[in-house]
Each structure stands twice: as structure tokens, then as C-alpha cells.
Amino acid sequence: MIAHIRGKITEKFGNSLIIDVAGVGYEITVPTPDFDAVMLDEEKKFFTYHSIRENAEELYGFSSLMAKKLFELLISVQGVGPKAGIAILSLAEPEEVRNAIANADTAFISKASGVGKKSAERVIVDLRDKVGIPSHYGATATKYTTAADANDEALDALMALGFSLKEASLALEKVDKSLPTEERIKLALKK
């Protein structure tokens, strides 16, 4: 499997990017926040999910490990495939999507292209206990916004150490976000 790709962005179209890695162009589909954040000729690393089906091989890319793990959780839900997973992650930054699931916000999830009310309810039922506690309560914004935890390096590091998304978010819950990343990781591991 291809775990990540680092290279120069040579093309942008739809929600796809072509990344040149040592002369080989990889096409990856990314959520809207990641697509909007990159520029042509920029060097970028994406964590990838390699989808292999009978008639196609596709790469899906994410700027953070948290987003990739959330995507993997989403596609584990019956009836939610990679395209629906990308559509859900295109609604907002990963932390906002995680928060919407934790808050059982089916109205927010059902706004994703190709995701109906029943699929949104299934996502909530299947994943609510797996994504951790909500970081804030109330309705989630419909267009992606910058969330404080969207690219949390400490969260990514804990997940790289084998923590689940829920375990990592719970471990970091009471750790001061203004501390350096290394210190936040150490404090989270002590809990």
C-alpha cells in the first residue's frame, strides 16, 4: 500500500491533484479544504488511502493523519464508499466533521454530495462512539472553517504511535493547546 506521497503539485482539477514524485505523476483525490489550501508547484506531503476495486485503483489524499483515519472510519460504515467519504470530509476541516459526528449532527453530514439522511444517520450510529467526545456543542458550520485541531501535530503523532482517533483526542483533551507539540505529546502519554 502507498502510505503517503511527497512531491510537487503539477496539476489541479475537480477535487484531484497530480503530484510529481521523481518524474512519476500520481493522481490523488482530496477533500475540498486540502484542495483549496495547495498551490501549483508547491512541494506537499499527503497521507494516502489506496483504494483497489475490481475495475479501478484510486488514491485519496489527506494533509493530516487525522483526516486519513477519519476517512477510514467513514468508509467502514456500510453504504459509505470513498467518494462519499471525501464528500463528507469536504464539508469542513476534519475536526469539524469529527465534532459533527460526536454531536450526532445528521443535518450537517447529510449536506455532503451523495449522502442522504439515512446514510448520515448510519454514520452517526456507527461512528459516534469511535470519534471521541465533542470539542464544542451545537450545530456545525456548513462550509469548512479553520478549526484549532484540524492539523494538530500532537494528535497525528499519537495516532502514529497506535492510538485510535478517539483515544488520541481523549488523551489530549485536558492538555494545554498553547504548549509545544513535544510537551503536549509527553503530557498526553502520561495520562
N, C-alpha and C. Protein backbone atom coordinates (compact mmCIF):
# COMPACT_ATOMS: atom_id res chain seq x y z
N MET A 1 0.82 -1.19 0.00
CA MET A 1 0.00 0.00 0.00
C MET A 1 0.87 1.25 0.00
N ILE A 2 0.34 2.30 -0.52
CA ILE A 2 1.03 3.58 -0.54
C ILE A 2 0.55 4.38 0.67
N ALA A 3 1.43 4.62 1.64
CA ALA A 3 1.05 5.28 2.90
C ALA A 3 1.02 6.79 2.77
N HIS A 4 1.98 7.35 2.04
CA HIS A 4 2.00 8.79 1.81
C HIS A 4 2.79 9.11 0.55
N ILE A 5 2.55 10.31 0.06
CA ILE A 5 3.24 10.79 -1.14
C ILE A 5 3.74 12.20 -0.85
N ARG A 6 4.98 12.46 -1.20
CA ARG A 6 5.54 13.81 -1.09
C ARG A 6 6.09 14.17 -2.46
N GLY A 7 5.65 15.31 -2.96
CA GLY A 7 6.13 15.75 -4.26
C GLY A 7 5.59 17.11 -4.62
N LYS A 8 5.87 17.51 -5.85
CA LYS A 8 5.45 18.82 -6.35
C LYS A 8 4.09 18.71 -7.02
N ILE A 9 3.20 19.64 -6.70
CA ILE A 9 1.87 19.65 -7.29
C ILE A 9 1.98 20.27 -8.69
N THR A 10 1.64 19.47 -9.70
CA THR A 10 1.78 19.95 -11.08
C THR A 10 0.45 20.28 -11.73
N GLU A 11 -0.64 19.70 -11.26
CA GLU A 11 -1.97 19.94 -11.84
C GLU A 11 -3.02 19.94 -10.74
N LYS A 12 -4.05 20.77 -10.93
CA LYS A 12 -5.22 20.81 -10.05
C LYS A 12 -6.46 20.81 -10.93
N PHE A 13 -7.40 19.92 -10.67
CA PHE A 13 -8.66 19.88 -11.41
C PHE A 13 -9.69 19.12 -10.59
N GLY A 14 -10.96 19.57 -10.69
CA GLY A 14 -12.01 18.94 -9.90
C GLY A 14 -11.61 18.96 -8.44
N ASN A 15 -11.56 17.83 -7.81
CA ASN A 15 -11.00 17.70 -6.46
C ASN A 15 -9.77 16.81 -6.49
N SER A 16 -9.09 16.80 -7.64
CA SER A 16 -7.92 15.95 -7.81
C SER A 16 -6.66 16.78 -8.01
N LEU A 17 -5.55 16.19 -7.62
CA LEU A 17 -4.24 16.79 -7.81
C LEU A 17 -3.35 15.77 -8.50
N ILE A 18 -2.43 16.26 -9.30
CA ILE A 18 -1.37 15.39 -9.81
C ILE A 18 -0.10 15.84 -9.11
N ILE A 19 0.54 14.88 -8.44
CA ILE A 19 1.76 15.16 -7.70
C ILE A 19 2.91 14.44 -8.38
N ASP A 20 3.92 15.21 -8.76
CA ASP A 20 5.11 14.66 -9.41
C ASP A 20 6.08 14.18 -8.34
N VAL A 21 6.34 12.88 -8.33
CA VAL A 21 7.29 12.28 -7.40
C VAL A 21 8.39 11.63 -8.23
N ALA A 22 9.53 12.29 -8.31
CA ALA A 22 10.68 11.78 -9.06
C ALA A 22 10.32 11.43 -10.50
N GLY A 23 9.54 12.28 -11.14
CA GLY A 23 9.19 12.07 -12.54
C GLY A 23 7.95 11.25 -12.79
N VAL A 24 7.33 10.72 -11.73
CA VAL A 24 6.09 9.94 -11.88
C VAL A 24 4.95 10.78 -11.31
N GLY A 25 3.88 10.96 -12.10
CA GLY A 25 2.73 11.74 -11.65
C GLY A 25 1.66 10.86 -11.04
N TYR A 26 1.35 11.10 -9.78
CA TYR A 26 0.29 10.37 -9.09
C TYR A 26 -0.93 11.26 -9.01
N GLU A 27 -2.09 10.74 -9.43
CA GLU A 27 -3.33 11.48 -9.31
C GLU A 27 -3.99 11.06 -8.00
N ILE A 28 -4.29 12.06 -7.15
CA ILE A 28 -4.97 11.77 -5.89
C ILE A 28 -6.18 12.68 -5.77
N THR A 29 -7.23 12.12 -5.20
CA THR A 29 -8.45 12.88 -4.92
C THR A 29 -8.36 13.33 -3.48
N VAL A 30 -8.63 14.61 -3.25
CA VAL A 30 -8.50 15.19 -1.91
C VAL A 30 -9.79 15.90 -1.51
N PRO A 31 -10.03 16.05 -0.20
CA PRO A 31 -11.19 16.85 0.24
C PRO A 31 -11.00 18.32 -0.14
N THR A 32 -12.08 19.04 -0.24
CA THR A 32 -12.06 20.45 -0.66
C THR A 32 -11.12 21.32 0.18
N PRO A 33 -11.10 21.22 1.52
CA PRO A 33 -10.16 22.07 2.27
C PRO A 33 -8.70 21.86 1.86
N ASP A 34 -8.31 20.60 1.62
CA ASP A 34 -6.94 20.32 1.18
C ASP A 34 -6.70 20.84 -0.24
N PHE A 35 -7.69 20.68 -1.11
CA PHE A 35 -7.57 21.15 -2.49
C PHE A 35 -7.36 22.66 -2.53
N ASP A 36 -8.17 23.37 -1.74
CA ASP A 36 -8.08 24.84 -1.73
C ASP A 36 -6.79 25.35 -1.10
N ALA A 37 -6.19 24.56 -0.22
CA ALA A 37 -5.01 25.02 0.52
C ALA A 37 -3.71 24.90 -0.28
N VAL A 38 -3.69 24.10 -1.35
CA VAL A 38 -2.43 23.89 -2.08
C VAL A 38 -2.33 24.79 -3.30
N MET A 39 -1.09 25.05 -3.68
CA MET A 39 -0.79 25.86 -4.86
C MET A 39 0.01 25.03 -5.85
N LEU A 40 -0.11 25.36 -7.12
CA LEU A 40 0.71 24.69 -8.13
C LEU A 40 2.18 24.93 -7.84
N ASP A 41 3.00 23.96 -8.16
CA ASP A 41 4.47 23.98 -7.98
C ASP A 41 4.88 23.97 -6.51
N GLU A 42 3.93 23.74 -5.60
CA GLU A 42 4.25 23.64 -4.18
C GLU A 42 4.65 22.20 -3.86
N GLU A 43 5.64 22.04 -3.00
CA GLU A 43 6.04 20.72 -2.50
C GLU A 43 5.12 20.38 -1.34
N LYS A 44 4.48 19.22 -1.37
CA LYS A 44 3.48 18.89 -0.35
C LYS A 44 3.50 17.39 -0.07
N LYS A 45 3.18 17.04 1.17
CA LYS A 45 3.05 15.64 1.57
C LYS A 45 1.59 15.36 1.86
N PHE A 46 1.10 14.25 1.34
CA PHE A 46 -0.26 13.80 1.61
C PHE A 46 -0.22 12.36 2.13
N PHE A 47 -0.97 12.11 3.20
CA PHE A 47 -1.20 10.74 3.65
C PHE A 47 -2.23 10.17 2.69
N THR A 48 -2.03 8.94 2.25
CA THR A 48 -2.90 8.40 1.20
C THR A 48 -3.62 7.14 1.63
N TYR A 49 -4.76 6.96 1.00
CA TYR A 49 -5.53 5.73 1.11
C TYR A 49 -5.61 5.16 -0.31
N HIS A 50 -5.13 3.95 -0.49
CA HIS A 50 -5.09 3.33 -1.81
C HIS A 50 -6.30 2.40 -1.94
N SER A 51 -7.26 2.79 -2.75
CA SER A 51 -8.49 2.02 -2.95
C SER A 51 -8.33 1.13 -4.18
N ILE A 52 -8.48 -0.16 -3.98
CA ILE A 52 -8.37 -1.11 -5.09
C ILE A 52 -9.70 -1.82 -5.23
N ARG A 53 -10.30 -1.66 -6.40
CA ARG A 53 -11.56 -2.34 -6.70
C ARG A 53 -11.34 -3.19 -7.94
N GLU A 54 -12.36 -3.92 -8.31
CA GLU A 54 -12.25 -4.82 -9.46
C GLU A 54 -11.86 -4.08 -10.74
N ASN A 55 -12.41 -2.89 -10.94
CA ASN A 55 -12.16 -2.18 -12.20
C ASN A 55 -11.42 -0.86 -12.04
N ALA A 56 -10.89 -0.57 -10.85
CA ALA A 56 -10.20 0.72 -10.68
C ALA A 56 -9.26 0.70 -9.48
N GLU A 57 -8.21 1.49 -9.59
CA GLU A 57 -7.31 1.78 -8.48
C GLU A 57 -7.29 3.29 -8.32
N GLU A 58 -7.55 3.76 -7.10
CA GLU A 58 -7.61 5.20 -6.87
C GLU A 58 -6.85 5.54 -5.61
N LEU A 59 -6.24 6.73 -5.60
CA LEU A 59 -5.56 7.25 -4.43
C LEU A 59 -6.36 8.42 -3.87
N TYR A 60 -6.55 8.42 -2.56
CA TYR A 60 -7.21 9.51 -1.88
C TYR A 60 -6.18 10.10 -0.92
N GLY A 61 -6.04 11.42 -0.93
CA GLY A 61 -5.00 12.06 -0.14
C GLY A 61 -5.54 13.00 0.91
N PHE A 62 -4.76 13.14 2.01
CA PHE A 62 -5.16 13.95 3.14
C PHE A 62 -3.93 14.65 3.71
N SER A 63 -4.07 15.92 4.06
CA SER A 63 -2.92 16.67 4.56
C SER A 63 -2.56 16.29 6.00
N SER A 64 -3.45 15.62 6.72
CA SER A 64 -3.15 15.20 8.09
C SER A 64 -3.51 13.73 8.28
N LEU A 65 -2.81 13.10 9.20
CA LEU A 65 -3.10 11.71 9.53
C LEU A 65 -4.48 11.58 10.14
N MET A 66 -4.90 12.60 10.89
CA MET A 66 -6.24 12.60 11.49
C MET A 66 -7.31 12.49 10.40
N ALA A 67 -7.16 13.26 9.33
CA ALA A 67 -8.14 13.23 8.24
C ALA A 67 -8.18 11.86 7.59
N LYS A 68 -7.01 11.24 7.41
CA LYS A 68 -6.96 9.91 6.80
C LYS A 68 -7.68 8.89 7.69
N LYS A 69 -7.41 8.95 8.99
CA LYS A 69 -8.04 8.00 9.91
C LYS A 69 -9.54 8.21 9.97
N LEU A 70 -9.98 9.46 9.93
CA LEU A 70 -11.41 9.76 9.91
C LEU A 70 -12.04 9.22 8.62
N PHE A 71 -11.34 9.37 7.49
CA PHE A 71 -11.80 8.84 6.21
C PHE A 71 -11.95 7.32 6.31
N GLU A 72 -10.96 6.64 6.89
CA GLU A 72 -11.03 5.19 7.04
C GLU A 72 -12.22 4.78 7.90
N LEU A 73 -12.50 5.55 8.94
CA LEU A 73 -13.69 5.27 9.76
C LEU A 73 -14.96 5.46 8.94
N LEU A 74 -15.02 6.54 8.17
CA LEU A 74 -16.21 6.82 7.36
C LEU A 74 -16.49 5.69 6.37
N ILE A 75 -15.45 5.22 5.67
CA ILE A 75 -15.70 4.18 4.66
C ILE A 75 -15.93 2.80 5.27
N SER A 76 -15.71 2.68 6.59
CA SER A 76 -16.03 1.41 7.25
C SER A 76 -17.54 1.28 7.48
N VAL A 77 -18.27 2.38 7.33
CA VAL A 77 -19.72 2.37 7.51
C VAL A 77 -20.37 1.79 6.25
N GLN A 78 -21.30 0.86 6.45
CA GLN A 78 -21.98 0.24 5.32
C GLN A 78 -22.68 1.30 4.47
N GLY A 79 -22.44 1.27 3.17
CA GLY A 79 -23.08 2.20 2.25
C GLY A 79 -22.30 3.49 2.03
N VAL A 80 -21.18 3.67 2.74
CA VAL A 80 -20.34 4.86 2.54
C VAL A 80 -19.05 4.42 1.88
N GLY A 81 -18.91 4.79 0.62
CA GLY A 81 -17.70 4.47 -0.12
C GLY A 81 -16.71 5.62 -0.10
N PRO A 82 -15.58 5.46 -0.78
CA PRO A 82 -14.57 6.51 -0.79
C PRO A 82 -15.06 7.87 -1.30
N LYS A 83 -15.90 7.87 -2.33
CA LYS A 83 -16.40 9.15 -2.86
C LYS A 83 -17.29 9.87 -1.83
N ALA A 84 -18.14 9.11 -1.13
CA ALA A 84 -18.97 9.71 -0.08
C ALA A 84 -18.11 10.16 1.10
N GLY A 85 -17.08 9.39 1.42
CA GLY A 85 -16.16 9.77 2.49
C GLY A 85 -15.47 11.09 2.19
N ILE A 86 -15.01 11.24 0.95
CA ILE A 86 -14.38 12.51 0.53
C ILE A 86 -15.41 13.64 0.57
N ALA A 87 -16.63 13.36 0.15
CA ALA A 87 -17.68 14.39 0.16
C ALA A 87 -17.96 14.86 1.59
N ILE A 88 -17.98 13.93 2.53
CA ILE A 88 -18.22 14.30 3.93
C ILE A 88 -17.05 15.13 4.46
N LEU A 89 -15.83 14.72 4.16
CA LEU A 89 -14.66 15.47 4.61
C LEU A 89 -14.51 16.81 3.88
N SER A 90 -15.21 16.97 2.76
CA SER A 90 -15.17 18.24 2.04
C SER A 90 -16.09 19.29 2.65
N LEU A 91 -16.95 18.87 3.58
CA LEU A 91 -17.87 19.81 4.22
C LEU A 91 -17.14 20.81 5.12
N ALA A 92 -16.06 20.36 5.75
CA ALA A 92 -15.37 21.19 6.74
C ALA A 92 -14.00 20.60 7.02
N GLU A 93 -13.25 21.27 7.88
CA GLU A 93 -11.98 20.72 8.34
C GLU A 93 -12.26 19.43 9.11
N PRO A 94 -11.29 18.51 9.17
CA PRO A 94 -11.52 17.21 9.82
C PRO A 94 -12.05 17.30 11.25
N GLU A 95 -11.55 18.24 12.04
CA GLU A 95 -12.03 18.37 13.42
C GLU A 95 -13.50 18.75 13.46
N GLU A 96 -13.94 19.59 12.53
CA GLU A 96 -15.36 19.97 12.49
C GLU A 96 -16.23 18.78 12.10
N VAL A 97 -15.76 17.95 11.18
CA VAL A 97 -16.52 16.75 10.78
C VAL A 97 -16.57 15.78 11.95
N ARG A 98 -15.43 15.58 12.62
CA ARG A 98 -15.40 14.70 13.79
C ARG A 98 -16.36 15.21 14.86
N ASN A 99 -16.35 16.52 15.07
CA ASN A 99 -17.23 17.12 16.06
C ASN A 99 -18.70 16.95 15.68
N ALA A 100 -19.03 17.06 14.40
CA ALA A 100 -20.41 16.87 13.94
C ALA A 100 -20.87 15.44 14.20
N ILE A 101 -19.99 14.48 13.98
CA ILE A 101 -20.33 13.08 14.25
C ILE A 101 -20.52 12.88 15.75
N ALA A 102 -19.60 13.42 16.56
CA ALA A 102 -19.70 13.27 18.02
C ALA A 102 -20.96 13.93 18.57
N ASN A 103 -21.41 15.02 17.93
CA ASN A 103 -22.63 15.72 18.36
C ASN A 103 -23.90 15.16 17.72
N ALA A 104 -23.77 14.10 16.92
CA ALA A 104 -24.90 13.48 16.22
C ALA A 104 -25.62 14.48 15.32
N ASP A 105 -24.87 15.29 14.61
CA ASP A 105 -25.41 16.33 13.72
C ASP A 105 -25.68 15.73 12.33
N THR A 106 -26.80 15.00 12.20
CA THR A 106 -27.12 14.36 10.92
C THR A 106 -27.41 15.38 9.83
N ALA A 107 -27.94 16.54 10.18
CA ALA A 107 -28.22 17.57 9.18
C ALA A 107 -26.93 18.01 8.49
N PHE A 108 -25.86 18.15 9.26
CA PHE A 108 -24.57 18.56 8.70
C PHE A 108 -24.02 17.47 7.77
N ILE A 109 -23.99 16.23 8.24
CA ILE A 109 -23.43 15.12 7.46
C ILE A 109 -24.23 14.90 6.18
N SER A 110 -25.54 15.04 6.24
CA SER A 110 -26.38 14.79 5.05
C SER A 110 -26.23 15.88 3.98
N LYS A 111 -25.52 16.97 4.28
CA LYS A 111 -25.27 18.00 3.27
C LYS A 111 -24.19 17.60 2.28
N ALA A 112 -23.47 16.53 2.56
CA ALA A 112 -22.43 16.05 1.65
C ALA A 112 -23.06 15.50 0.38
N SER A 113 -22.42 15.75 -0.74
CA SER A 113 -22.91 15.27 -2.03
C SER A 113 -23.00 13.74 -2.03
N GLY A 114 -24.18 13.23 -2.36
CA GLY A 114 -24.38 11.79 -2.45
C GLY A 114 -24.66 11.11 -1.12
N VAL A 115 -24.81 11.88 -0.06
CA VAL A 115 -25.08 11.31 1.26
C VAL A 115 -26.47 11.75 1.70
N GLY A 116 -27.37 10.80 1.81
CA GLY A 116 -28.74 11.11 2.23
C GLY A 116 -28.90 11.05 3.73
N LYS A 117 -30.11 11.27 4.17
CA LYS A 117 -30.40 11.29 5.61
C LYS A 117 -30.13 9.93 6.26
N LYS A 118 -30.52 8.85 5.59
CA LYS A 118 -30.31 7.52 6.17
C LYS A 118 -28.83 7.18 6.28
N SER A 119 -28.06 7.54 5.26
CA SER A 119 -26.61 7.29 5.32
C SER A 119 -25.98 8.13 6.43
N ALA A 120 -26.42 9.37 6.56
CA ALA A 120 -25.89 10.25 7.62
C ALA A 120 -26.21 9.67 8.99
N GLU A 121 -27.42 9.16 9.16
CA GLU A 121 -27.79 8.54 10.44
C GLU A 121 -26.95 7.31 10.72
N ARG A 122 -26.66 6.51 9.68
CA ARG A 122 -25.83 5.32 9.84
C ARG A 122 -24.42 5.71 10.25
N VAL A 123 -23.88 6.79 9.65
CA VAL A 123 -22.54 7.29 10.02
C VAL A 123 -22.53 7.65 11.50
N ILE A 124 -23.55 8.37 11.95
CA ILE A 124 -23.62 8.80 13.35
C ILE A 124 -23.69 7.59 14.28
N VAL A 125 -24.58 6.66 13.98
CA VAL A 125 -24.76 5.48 14.84
C VAL A 125 -23.48 4.64 14.91
N ASP A 126 -22.85 4.42 13.77
CA ASP A 126 -21.66 3.57 13.72
C ASP A 126 -20.41 4.23 14.29
N LEU A 127 -20.29 5.54 14.15
CA LEU A 127 -19.02 6.20 14.49
C LEU A 127 -19.04 7.08 15.73
N ARG A 128 -20.19 7.39 16.24
CA ARG A 128 -20.27 8.34 17.36
C ARG A 128 -19.38 7.94 18.54
N ASP A 129 -19.35 6.67 18.87
CA ASP A 129 -18.52 6.21 19.99
C ASP A 129 -17.05 6.04 19.61
N LYS A 130 -16.73 6.10 18.33
CA LYS A 130 -15.36 5.89 17.88
C LYS A 130 -14.57 7.17 17.65
N VAL A 131 -15.24 8.31 17.59
CA VAL A 131 -14.54 9.56 17.24
C VAL A 131 -14.18 10.42 18.44
N GLY A 132 -14.55 10.03 19.63
CA GLY A 132 -14.22 10.81 20.82
C GLY A 132 -15.33 11.79 21.17
N ILE A 133 -15.08 12.55 22.23
CA ILE A 133 -16.09 13.48 22.71
C ILE A 133 -16.10 14.75 21.86
N PRO A 134 -17.23 15.45 21.82
CA PRO A 134 -17.29 16.70 21.04
C PRO A 134 -16.35 17.75 21.62
N SER A 135 -15.75 18.54 20.75
CA SER A 135 -14.89 19.63 21.22
C SER A 135 -15.73 20.87 21.51
N HIS A 136 -16.90 20.95 20.92
CA HIS A 136 -17.86 22.00 21.24
C HIS A 136 -19.25 21.52 20.84
N TYR A 137 -20.26 22.15 21.39
CA TYR A 137 -21.63 21.70 21.17
C TYR A 137 -22.36 22.64 20.23
N GLY A 138 -23.45 22.16 19.70
CA GLY A 138 -24.26 22.99 18.81
C GLY A 138 -24.07 22.59 17.37
N ALA A 139 -24.82 23.25 16.50
CA ALA A 139 -24.77 22.95 15.07
C ALA A 139 -23.40 23.29 14.50
N THR A 140 -22.97 22.48 13.55
CA THR A 140 -21.69 22.67 12.89
C THR A 140 -21.89 23.56 11.68
N ALA A 141 -20.92 24.39 11.40
CA ALA A 141 -20.99 25.28 10.23
C ALA A 141 -21.07 24.45 8.95
N THR A 142 -21.73 24.98 7.94
CA THR A 142 -21.93 24.21 6.72
C THR A 142 -20.75 24.30 5.76
N LYS A 143 -19.98 25.34 5.82
CA LYS A 143 -18.81 25.48 4.95
C LYS A 143 -17.59 25.32 5.83
N TYR A 144 -16.54 24.73 5.31
CA TYR A 144 -15.39 24.46 6.15
C TYR A 144 -14.79 25.74 6.69
N THR A 145 -14.33 25.62 7.92
CA THR A 145 -13.69 26.73 8.60
C THR A 145 -12.41 26.22 9.21
N THR A 146 -11.56 27.10 9.64
CA THR A 146 -10.32 26.67 10.25
C THR A 146 -10.59 26.31 11.69
N ALA A 147 -10.42 25.05 11.99
CA ALA A 147 -10.60 24.57 13.36
C ALA A 147 -9.24 24.51 14.03
N ALA A 148 -9.21 24.74 15.31
CA ALA A 148 -7.95 24.76 16.04
C ALA A 148 -7.24 23.42 15.95
N ASP A 149 -7.98 22.32 15.90
CA ASP A 149 -7.38 20.99 15.92
C ASP A 149 -7.28 20.35 14.55
N ALA A 150 -7.57 21.06 13.47
CA ALA A 150 -7.62 20.46 12.16
C ALA A 150 -6.30 19.83 11.75
N ASN A 151 -5.18 20.48 12.03
CA ASN A 151 -3.87 19.94 11.70
C ASN A 151 -3.03 19.82 12.96
N ASP A 152 -3.58 19.22 13.99
CA ASP A 152 -2.92 19.08 15.27
C ASP A 152 -1.82 18.04 15.16
N GLU A 153 -0.58 18.48 15.21
CA GLU A 153 0.57 17.58 15.08
C GLU A 153 0.64 16.60 16.24
N ALA A 154 0.25 17.02 17.44
CA ALA A 154 0.26 16.13 18.59
C ALA A 154 -0.73 14.99 18.39
N LEU A 155 -1.91 15.31 17.86
CA LEU A 155 -2.92 14.29 17.58
C LEU A 155 -2.40 13.31 16.53
N ASP A 156 -1.80 13.84 15.46
CA ASP A 156 -1.22 12.99 14.42
C ASP A 156 -0.13 12.08 14.99
N ALA A 157 0.71 12.63 15.87
CA ALA A 157 1.80 11.85 16.46
C ALA A 157 1.26 10.71 17.31
N LEU A 158 0.26 10.99 18.13
CA LEU A 158 -0.33 9.94 18.97
C LEU A 158 -0.97 8.84 18.11
N MET A 159 -1.60 9.24 17.01
CA MET A 159 -2.21 8.24 16.12
C MET A 159 -1.12 7.43 15.43
N ALA A 160 0.01 8.06 15.12
CA ALA A 160 1.13 7.33 14.51
C ALA A 160 1.72 6.33 15.51
N LEU A 161 1.58 6.62 16.80
CA LEU A 161 2.05 5.70 17.84
C LEU A 161 1.08 4.56 18.10
N GLY A 162 -0.06 4.56 17.42
CA GLY A 162 -1.01 3.46 17.55
C GLY A 162 -2.30 3.79 18.28
N PHE A 163 -2.45 5.02 18.74
CA PHE A 163 -3.69 5.41 19.39
C PHE A 163 -4.80 5.51 18.33
N SER A 164 -6.01 5.18 18.71
CA SER A 164 -7.15 5.41 17.81
C SER A 164 -7.46 6.90 17.85
N LEU A 165 -8.27 7.37 16.92
CA LEU A 165 -8.67 8.78 16.90
C LEU A 165 -9.33 9.16 18.23
N LYS A 166 -10.20 8.29 18.73
CA LYS A 166 -10.89 8.57 20.00
C LYS A 166 -9.90 8.63 21.16
N GLU A 167 -9.00 7.65 21.25
CA GLU A 167 -8.02 7.61 22.34
C GLU A 167 -7.10 8.83 22.30
N ALA A 168 -6.65 9.20 21.11
CA ALA A 168 -5.75 10.34 20.97
C ALA A 168 -6.45 11.63 21.36
N SER A 169 -7.70 11.81 20.92
CA SER A 169 -8.41 13.05 21.26
C SER A 169 -8.72 13.11 22.75
N LEU A 170 -9.02 11.97 23.37
CA LEU A 170 -9.26 11.95 24.82
C LEU A 170 -7.97 12.24 25.59
N ALA A 171 -6.85 11.70 25.13
CA ALA A 171 -5.56 11.93 25.80
C ALA A 171 -5.15 13.39 25.75
N LEU A 172 -5.48 14.08 24.67
CA LEU A 172 -5.10 15.48 24.50
C LEU A 172 -6.15 16.46 25.03
N GLU A 173 -7.28 15.94 25.44
CA GLU A 173 -8.41 16.78 25.84
C GLU A 173 -8.05 17.81 26.91
N LYS A 174 -7.32 17.44 27.93
CA LYS A 174 -7.03 18.35 29.04
C LYS A 174 -5.61 18.90 29.00
N VAL A 175 -4.92 18.72 27.87
CA VAL A 175 -3.57 19.24 27.72
C VAL A 175 -3.66 20.62 27.07
N ASP A 176 -2.93 21.58 27.64
CA ASP A 176 -2.94 22.96 27.15
C ASP A 176 -2.47 23.02 25.69
N LYS A 177 -3.32 23.58 24.82
CA LYS A 177 -3.02 23.64 23.38
C LYS A 177 -1.93 24.63 23.04
N SER A 178 -1.58 25.51 23.97
CA SER A 178 -0.55 26.51 23.69
C SER A 178 0.86 25.97 23.93
N LEU A 179 0.97 24.79 24.53
CA LEU A 179 2.28 24.18 24.77
C LEU A 179 2.89 23.70 23.45
N PRO A 180 4.22 23.56 23.40
CA PRO A 180 4.84 23.00 22.20
C PRO A 180 4.35 21.56 21.96
N THR A 181 4.38 21.14 20.71
CA THR A 181 3.88 19.82 20.33
C THR A 181 4.51 18.70 21.14
N GLU A 182 5.83 18.74 21.31
CA GLU A 182 6.53 17.67 22.04
C GLU A 182 6.04 17.56 23.48
N GLU A 183 5.84 18.72 24.12
CA GLU A 183 5.36 18.75 25.50
C GLU A 183 3.93 18.21 25.60
N ARG A 184 3.09 18.57 24.62
CA ARG A 184 1.70 18.07 24.62
C ARG A 184 1.67 16.55 24.49
N ILE A 185 2.56 16.00 23.64
CA ILE A 185 2.62 14.55 23.45
C ILE A 185 3.04 13.88 24.75
N LYS A 186 4.09 14.41 25.40
CA LYS A 186 4.57 13.83 26.65
C LYS A 186 3.48 13.82 27.71
N LEU A 187 2.78 14.95 27.86
CA LEU A 187 1.72 15.03 28.86
C LEU A 187 0.57 14.08 28.54
N ALA A 188 0.23 13.95 27.26
CA ALA A 188 -0.85 13.04 26.87
C ALA A 188 -0.46 11.59 27.13
N LEU A 189 0.80 11.24 26.93
CA LEU A 189 1.24 9.87 27.15
C LEU A 189 1.28 9.50 28.64
N LYS A 190 1.43 10.51 29.51
CA LYS A 190 1.45 10.26 30.94
C LYS A 190 0.08 9.93 31.50
N LYS A 191 -0.97 10.31 30.78
CA LYS A 191 -2.34 10.10 31.28
C LYS A 191 -2.79 8.69 31.09
